[in-house]
Amino acid sequence: FLALAMDSLVNQAAKYFYLSREQASVPLVVRSAVGAGGRFGAIHSQTPASWFQNVPGLKIVAPSAPSDAKALLQAAIRDENPVLFLEHKRLYGVKEECDGHEVAEIARARVLREGADLTMVSAMKGVRDCLAAAERLSGQGIGAEVIDLRTLRPIDRDCILRSLTKTNRLVVVEEGPLTGGWAGEILALAAEHGLHDIDDIWRLTTPDHPIPYSPPLEDAFLPSAEAIAESVGARLGQRT
C-alpha cells in the first residue's frame, strides 16, 4: 500500500524543506513492511526501495537486525525531514539484546565481517544471507568482507570504497528487480570512484518478473545464501 502514499511522500513531504526555502520541514517517519520469502504473493512481497531511490529530500533506512532497527528508528524520529523506514517481514522473528539508549547515525554503513578477497554489500535480509554465504566460502579459503548498508539513501560511499580498495572485488546483493535497483547504483558508484581498484564487480538480484507465489519458484527466485556462495565461487574460479 506504500504506492498509495507516493504523491504525498514524494511531491509534498520530501520537497517541503526546499519549497519553503529551508524555513519549514516535515519530520515524518513512514514504516513499511517489505520483502519476499513468506508466500505473500506478487503484490505483498515487493521491496520498493528503488521507487524512492532518486527522490531528493527523502532518506531510506533498511535495518538488518533488531538492535539496528531500534537505533535507526530513534535516529529517523529525530530527523527533521521525512524518512522511509523499510522493515523486512522475514526479520520480524529475529531476537537479540538491544541497547535502549543507542541512536544510530543515518547514512553510515557497517562492516559486519572482515575479509580480504571480496566485498559483499547488502541490506535487510540480504545481509544475513551474505553472512551465511561468507561462512560457507571461508571453508573454501575465500575471505569475504560483508557490509550492511543500513541506509539506502544516502549510501555510505566511503565505507564501500575503503573495502573495495582492500579486496578489489565487489558483489552487491539486492532483493529486488535487476533493472533500476540500488545494486546498480552502487556498482556505478564503484566504477566512478574506484575504477583503478576493481578486478571484478557484479550484482545478484531477483529477475525482472513479479515474485512467484509457488514456494519452490519463490525460493529459486530470491538471491539465497547458497546462490550467493555459488556465484562468488564461479567468479573466483572455485567451486563452493
Protein backbone atom coordinates (compact mmCIF):
# COMPACT_ATOMS: atom_id res chain seq x y z
CA PHE A 1 0.00 0.00 0.00
CA LEU A 2 3.05 2.28 0.02
CA ALA A 3 2.32 3.31 -3.57
CA LEU A 4 -0.94 4.94 -2.43
CA ALA A 5 1.07 7.42 -0.37
CA MET A 6 3.62 8.16 -3.08
CA ASP A 7 2.35 11.59 -4.16
CA SER A 8 2.18 12.93 -0.61
CA LEU A 9 5.58 11.49 0.27
CA VAL A 10 7.46 12.29 -2.94
CA ASN A 11 5.90 15.57 -4.08
CA GLN A 12 4.99 17.12 -0.75
CA ALA A 13 6.88 15.85 2.30
CA ALA A 14 10.25 15.29 0.60
CA LYS A 15 10.23 18.69 -1.13
CA TYR A 16 8.74 20.88 1.58
CA PHE A 17 12.09 21.86 3.07
CA TYR A 18 13.27 23.10 -0.34
CA LEU A 19 9.99 24.73 -1.35
CA SER A 20 9.88 26.68 1.92
CA ARG A 21 13.43 27.98 1.42
CA GLU A 22 14.54 25.87 4.39
CA GLN A 23 12.08 27.60 6.71
CA ALA A 24 9.94 24.50 7.37
CA SER A 25 10.26 20.73 7.16
CA VAL A 26 8.23 17.55 7.53
CA PRO A 27 9.67 15.37 10.34
CA LEU A 28 7.88 12.20 9.24
CA VAL A 29 8.73 8.50 9.53
CA VAL A 30 6.90 6.08 7.24
CA ARG A 31 7.34 2.46 8.35
CA SER A 32 6.74 -0.07 5.60
CA ALA A 33 6.80 -3.88 5.80
CA VAL A 34 8.55 -5.28 2.72
CA GLY A 35 10.20 -8.43 1.47
CA ALA A 36 9.64 -11.81 -0.13
CA GLY A 37 10.06 -15.38 1.00
CA GLY A 38 6.92 -15.55 3.13
CA ARG A 39 4.50 -16.73 0.43
CA PHE A 40 2.75 -13.36 0.28
CA GLY A 41 2.31 -13.31 -3.49
CA ALA A 42 3.43 -10.87 -6.16
CA ILE A 43 1.89 -7.71 -4.67
CA HIS A 44 2.76 -8.10 -0.99
CA SER A 45 6.30 -9.46 -1.48
CA GLN A 46 7.86 -6.43 -3.14
CA THR A 47 10.72 -4.35 -1.77
CA PRO A 48 10.03 -0.96 -3.39
CA ALA A 49 13.14 0.92 -2.29
CA SER A 50 14.08 1.75 -5.88
CA TRP A 51 10.77 3.55 -6.39
CA PHE A 52 12.02 6.21 -3.96
CA GLN A 53 15.76 5.99 -4.59
CA ASN A 54 16.03 9.14 -6.70
CA VAL A 55 13.86 11.44 -4.56
CA PRO A 56 15.86 14.37 -3.12
CA GLY A 57 14.87 15.20 0.43
CA LEU A 58 13.89 11.64 1.35
CA LYS A 59 16.04 9.23 3.35
CA ILE A 60 15.61 5.45 3.15
CA VAL A 61 16.57 3.28 6.11
CA ALA A 62 16.76 -0.53 5.85
CA PRO A 63 17.95 -2.35 9.01
CA SER A 64 19.05 -5.99 9.15
CA ALA A 65 18.84 -6.64 12.90
CA PRO A 66 16.63 -5.71 15.88
CA SER A 67 19.34 -3.61 17.56
CA ASP A 68 19.86 -1.61 14.39
CA ALA A 69 16.13 -1.28 13.83
CA LYS A 70 15.70 0.27 17.27
CA ALA A 71 18.71 2.58 17.00
CA LEU A 72 17.92 3.65 13.43
CA LEU A 73 14.25 4.21 14.22
CA GLN A 74 15.25 6.57 17.01
CA ALA A 75 17.51 8.41 14.58
CA ALA A 76 14.72 8.57 12.00
CA ILE A 77 12.29 10.03 14.53
CA ARG A 78 14.83 12.72 15.41
CA ASP A 79 15.41 13.64 11.75
CA GLU A 80 13.83 16.90 10.65
CA ASN A 81 12.89 15.57 7.21
CA PRO A 82 10.95 12.50 6.00
CA VAL A 83 12.43 9.03 6.39
CA LEU A 84 11.15 5.87 4.72
CA PHE A 85 11.81 3.04 7.17
CA LEU A 86 11.79 -0.38 5.47
CA GLU A 87 11.21 -3.47 7.62
CA HIS A 88 11.76 -6.89 6.05
CA LYS A 89 8.94 -9.18 7.11
CA ARG A 90 11.19 -12.22 7.44
CA LEU A 91 13.25 -10.40 10.09
CA TYR A 92 10.35 -9.75 12.48
CA GLY A 93 11.03 -13.05 14.26
CA VAL A 94 14.73 -12.30 14.91
CA LYS A 95 15.54 -11.64 18.58
CA GLU A 96 18.60 -10.12 20.23
CA GLU A 97 19.60 -7.85 23.11
CA CYS A 98 19.25 -4.14 22.29
CA ASP A 99 20.74 -1.02 23.83
CA GLY A 100 17.70 1.09 24.55
CA HIS A 101 19.72 4.31 24.55
CA GLU A 102 21.66 3.89 21.29
CA VAL A 103 20.82 6.27 18.47
CA ALA A 104 22.41 5.23 15.17
CA GLU A 105 23.75 7.60 12.56
CA ILE A 106 21.76 7.58 9.34
CA ALA A 107 23.90 7.18 6.19
CA ARG A 108 26.57 5.18 8.00
CA ALA A 109 27.17 1.61 6.83
CA ARG A 110 28.80 -1.04 8.98
CA VAL A 111 31.36 -3.78 8.28
CA LEU A 112 29.97 -6.91 9.95
CA ARG A 113 32.66 -9.34 8.80
CA GLU A 114 36.16 -8.60 7.56
CA GLY A 115 37.81 -10.32 4.62
CA ALA A 116 40.49 -9.71 2.00
CA ASP A 117 39.25 -11.45 -1.15
CA LEU A 118 35.84 -9.95 -1.83
CA THR A 119 33.38 -7.31 -0.60
CA MET A 120 29.71 -8.22 -0.21
CA VAL A 121 27.23 -5.35 0.16
CA SER A 122 23.57 -5.75 1.03
CA ALA A 123 20.71 -4.58 3.25
CA MET A 124 17.96 -6.10 5.40
CA LYS A 125 17.52 -9.87 4.90
CA GLY A 126 20.26 -9.87 2.27
CA VAL A 127 22.86 -9.05 4.92
CA ARG A 128 22.10 -12.26 6.78
CA ASP A 129 22.28 -14.22 3.53
CA CYS A 130 25.66 -12.65 2.78
CA LEU A 131 26.96 -13.56 6.25
CA ALA A 132 25.84 -17.16 5.75
CA ALA A 133 27.44 -17.23 2.30
CA ALA A 134 30.67 -15.76 3.69
CA GLU A 135 30.81 -18.51 6.31
CA ARG A 136 30.37 -21.12 3.62
CA LEU A 137 33.03 -19.50 1.43
CA SER A 138 35.52 -19.40 4.30
CA GLY A 139 35.64 -23.20 4.12
CA GLN A 140 36.88 -22.80 0.54
CA GLY A 141 39.61 -20.37 1.55
CA ILE A 142 37.73 -17.27 0.34
CA GLY A 143 37.67 -14.35 2.77
CA ALA A 144 34.55 -12.25 2.19
CA GLU A 145 34.01 -8.86 3.79
CA VAL A 146 30.33 -8.15 4.49
CA ILE A 147 28.94 -4.61 4.61
CA ASP A 148 25.50 -3.82 5.99
CA LEU A 149 24.32 -0.66 4.22
CA ARG A 150 21.69 0.16 6.88
CA THR A 151 20.70 3.21 4.80
CA LEU A 152 19.81 3.04 1.10
CA ARG A 153 19.58 6.79 0.65
CA PRO A 154 22.06 8.30 1.16
CA ILE A 155 24.50 5.44 0.57
CA ASP A 156 27.73 5.37 2.57
CA ARG A 157 30.11 5.64 -0.36
CA ASP A 158 33.28 5.91 1.73
CA CYS A 159 32.68 2.62 3.56
CA ILE A 160 32.21 0.74 0.30
CA LEU A 161 35.22 2.30 -1.41
CA ARG A 162 37.50 1.61 1.57
CA SER A 163 36.58 -2.05 1.44
CA LEU A 164 36.94 -2.20 -2.35
CA THR A 165 40.44 -0.75 -2.08
CA LYS A 166 41.33 -3.74 0.08
CA THR A 167 39.53 -6.58 -1.71
CA ASN A 168 39.33 -5.34 -5.34
CA ARG A 169 36.13 -7.36 -5.87
CA LEU A 170 32.56 -6.34 -5.15
CA VAL A 171 29.23 -8.14 -5.28
CA VAL A 172 26.02 -6.32 -4.35
CA VAL A 173 23.04 -8.43 -3.28
CA GLU A 174 19.59 -6.87 -3.62
CA GLU A 175 16.20 -8.47 -3.11
CA GLY A 176 14.66 -6.53 -5.95
CA PRO A 177 14.49 -6.49 -9.76
CA LEU A 178 17.69 -6.23 -11.77
CA THR A 179 16.65 -3.10 -13.66
CA GLY A 180 16.79 0.23 -11.84
CA GLY A 181 17.75 -1.06 -8.40
CA TRP A 182 20.12 0.30 -5.78
CA ALA A 183 22.56 -2.53 -6.53
CA GLY A 184 23.23 -0.98 -9.93
CA GLU A 185 23.68 2.42 -8.29
CA ILE A 186 26.39 1.00 -6.04
CA LEU A 187 28.18 -0.61 -8.98
CA ALA A 188 28.09 2.74 -10.79
CA LEU A 189 29.47 4.42 -7.68
CA ALA A 190 32.31 1.89 -7.54
CA ALA A 191 33.10 2.36 -11.24
CA GLU A 192 33.09 6.15 -11.00
CA HIS A 193 35.15 6.49 -7.83
CA GLY A 194 37.14 3.26 -7.51
CA LEU A 195 37.79 2.08 -11.07
CA HIS A 196 41.52 1.53 -10.55
CA ASP A 197 40.82 -0.74 -7.56
CA ILE A 198 38.40 -3.03 -9.40
CA ASP A 199 39.23 -6.54 -10.57
CA ASP A 200 35.59 -7.63 -10.71
CA ILE A 201 32.17 -6.23 -9.77
CA TRP A 202 28.71 -7.72 -10.23
CA ARG A 203 25.26 -7.91 -8.65
CA LEU A 204 22.82 -10.58 -7.57
CA THR A 205 19.16 -9.57 -7.72
CA THR A 206 15.78 -11.05 -8.49
CA PRO A 207 14.78 -11.40 -12.16
CA ASP A 208 12.74 -8.68 -13.85
CA HIS A 209 9.48 -10.51 -13.17
CA PRO A 210 6.76 -10.43 -10.50
CA ILE A 211 7.56 -12.57 -7.46
CA PRO A 212 6.02 -16.06 -7.71
CA TYR A 213 3.56 -17.38 -5.15
CA SER A 214 4.61 -21.02 -5.57
CA PRO A 215 7.03 -21.87 -2.71
CA PRO A 216 9.62 -23.69 -4.88
CA LEU A 217 9.53 -20.95 -7.51
CA GLU A 218 9.80 -18.18 -4.92
CA ASP A 219 12.77 -19.87 -3.25
CA ALA A 220 14.54 -20.19 -6.60
CA PHE A 221 13.64 -16.59 -7.46
CA LEU A 222 15.43 -14.98 -4.49
CA PRO A 223 19.21 -14.50 -4.05
CA SER A 224 19.76 -17.04 -1.25
CA ALA A 225 22.95 -17.67 0.72
CA GLU A 226 23.60 -20.73 -1.44
CA ALA A 227 23.15 -18.73 -4.65
CA ILE A 228 25.49 -16.02 -3.38
CA ALA A 229 28.21 -18.52 -2.46
CA GLU A 230 27.89 -20.31 -5.80
CA SER A 231 28.10 -17.03 -7.71
CA VAL A 232 31.20 -15.95 -5.82
CA GLY A 233 32.84 -19.33 -6.30
CA ALA A 234 32.16 -19.21 -10.03
CA ARG A 235 33.54 -15.68 -10.40
CA LEU A 236 36.64 -16.52 -8.41
CA GLY A 237 37.13 -19.78 -10.28
CA GLN A 238 36.40 -22.08 -7.35
CA ARG A 239 33.62 -24.48 -6.51
CA THR A 240 31.73 -23.99 -3.24
